[in-house]
Protein backbone atom coordinates (compact mmCIF):
# COMPACT_ATOMS: atom_id res chain seq x y z
CA MET A 1 3.51 8.12 -70.01
CA PRO A 2 5.78 8.44 -66.93
CA VAL A 3 8.95 6.34 -67.07
CA GLU A 4 11.66 5.59 -64.51
CA ILE A 5 15.15 4.45 -65.47
CA GLY A 6 17.67 3.26 -62.94
CA LEU A 7 21.35 2.78 -63.67
CA GLU A 8 23.71 0.57 -61.76
CA MET A 9 27.23 1.70 -62.62
CA TYR A 10 30.75 0.58 -61.79
CA ALA A 11 33.70 2.97 -61.83
CA GLU A 12 37.11 1.93 -63.09
CA LYS A 13 38.82 3.74 -60.22
CA GLU A 14 38.17 5.76 -57.09
CA LEU A 15 36.42 9.07 -57.62
CA LEU A 16 35.89 12.02 -55.29
CA LEU A 17 32.23 13.07 -55.30
CA PRO A 18 30.69 16.06 -53.50
CA HIS A 19 28.60 15.67 -50.36
CA PHE A 20 25.41 16.29 -52.34
CA THR A 21 25.29 14.52 -55.71
CA GLY A 22 21.91 15.63 -57.06
CA HIS A 23 23.51 18.12 -59.43
CA VAL A 24 25.98 15.41 -60.54
CA ALA A 25 23.04 13.15 -61.40
CA ARG A 26 21.37 15.98 -63.32
CA GLY A 27 24.57 16.68 -65.24
CA LEU A 28 24.89 12.98 -66.07
CA LEU A 29 21.34 12.89 -67.41
CA LEU A 30 21.85 15.99 -69.57
CA HIS A 31 25.13 14.55 -70.88
CA LEU A 32 23.60 11.20 -71.82
CA VAL A 33 20.65 12.86 -73.59
CA GLY A 34 22.96 15.36 -75.27
CA ARG A 35 25.13 12.64 -76.77
CA VAL A 36 22.06 11.33 -78.64
CA ASP A 37 20.24 14.62 -79.34
CA PRO A 38 21.90 17.91 -78.32
CA SER A 39 18.71 19.91 -78.91
CA ALA A 40 16.78 17.65 -76.52
CA SER A 41 19.44 18.22 -73.87
CA GLN A 42 19.14 21.98 -74.42
CA ARG A 43 15.36 21.77 -73.95
CA LEU A 44 15.83 19.88 -70.66
CA HIS A 45 18.42 22.44 -69.54
CA ALA A 46 16.35 25.53 -70.44
CA PRO A 47 16.00 27.99 -67.55
CA ASN A 48 12.72 29.06 -65.98
CA VAL A 49 10.56 26.23 -67.33
CA VAL A 50 8.99 23.25 -65.61
CA LYS A 51 11.22 20.22 -66.20
CA PRO A 52 9.63 16.98 -67.47
CA TYR A 53 12.07 14.92 -65.38
CA SER A 54 13.53 14.44 -61.92
CA VAL A 55 16.72 12.83 -60.70
CA ALA A 56 17.75 11.18 -57.45
CA PRO A 57 21.18 11.80 -55.92
CA LEU A 58 23.81 9.13 -56.58
CA ARG A 59 23.86 6.22 -54.13
CA PHE A 60 27.25 4.62 -53.58
CA LYS A 61 29.59 3.16 -50.98
CA SER A 62 32.39 5.48 -49.97
CA LYS A 63 35.92 4.55 -48.92
CA ALA A 64 36.51 7.81 -47.09
CA LYS A 65 34.93 11.14 -46.23
CA SER A 66 36.66 14.51 -46.44
CA GLU A 67 35.72 18.17 -46.38
CA ALA A 68 35.51 18.01 -50.19
CA GLY A 69 33.13 15.04 -50.27
CA TYR A 70 33.17 11.25 -50.42
CA LEU A 71 35.60 8.90 -52.14
CA LEU A 72 33.60 6.44 -54.24
CA ASP A 73 34.68 2.82 -53.75
CA PRO A 74 34.91 1.22 -57.22
CA ALA A 75 34.47 -2.27 -55.76
CA PHE A 76 30.78 -1.46 -55.24
CA SER A 77 28.06 -0.18 -57.55
CA CYS A 78 26.93 3.41 -57.87
CA ARG A 79 23.23 3.89 -58.59
CA VAL A 80 21.16 6.73 -59.97
CA GLN A 81 17.50 7.10 -60.94
CA PHE A 82 15.92 9.29 -63.60
CA ARG A 83 12.15 9.83 -63.83
CA PHE A 84 10.48 11.26 -66.93
CA LEU A 85 6.99 12.58 -67.56
CA GLU A 86 7.57 12.15 -71.30
CA ASP A 87 8.95 8.81 -72.50
CA GLU A 88 10.68 10.54 -75.45
CA TYR A 89 13.48 11.63 -73.09
CA ALA A 90 13.82 8.18 -71.53
CA ARG A 91 14.38 6.77 -75.02
CA TYR A 92 17.44 9.02 -75.46
CA VAL A 93 19.05 7.54 -72.34
CA VAL A 94 18.28 3.98 -73.43
CA ASP A 95 19.61 4.67 -76.94
CA PHE A 96 22.86 6.09 -75.57
CA LEU A 97 23.46 3.17 -73.21
CA GLY A 98 22.62 0.70 -75.98
CA SER A 99 25.21 2.29 -78.27
CA GLY A 100 28.10 0.82 -76.29
CA THR A 101 29.76 4.25 -76.06
CA LEU A 102 32.14 4.63 -73.11
CA TRP A 103 31.30 7.46 -70.77
CA ARG A 104 32.82 9.24 -67.83
CA LEU A 105 31.72 10.72 -64.59
CA GLY A 106 34.44 13.06 -63.43
CA THR A 107 37.81 11.45 -64.06
CA SER A 108 36.63 7.83 -64.04
CA ARG A 109 35.19 5.77 -66.86
CA PHE A 110 32.05 3.82 -66.00
CA ILE A 111 30.33 0.71 -67.22
CA SER A 112 26.64 0.49 -66.50
CA LEU A 113 23.91 -2.05 -66.12
CA LEU A 114 20.50 -0.69 -67.04
CA TRP A 115 17.30 -1.54 -65.28
CA LEU A 116 13.86 -0.15 -66.06
């Protein structure tokens, strides 16, 4: 059954993000899944196969813009959405977030609020 998971995250400090963050969102998804089941992350990362998921670029408020990207403002939330065709993969994300494990995006630690 198709499943959508949205994360609302808060960074501990400012973070420079690229102009396009779709690949950052994909990397975050693969990291979260890989922390629970590395083989599942490998399956999602396999080349030349149809992926049973999609990601949306990060949405956040920036403090500044530069040639390198945008400076994330930690006073505001950063959001990302993952969509799965198979709920097995969504369960990995939920399990990781429920574990209370700290995680990073770039050089900043994040706390997250999960919504389904």
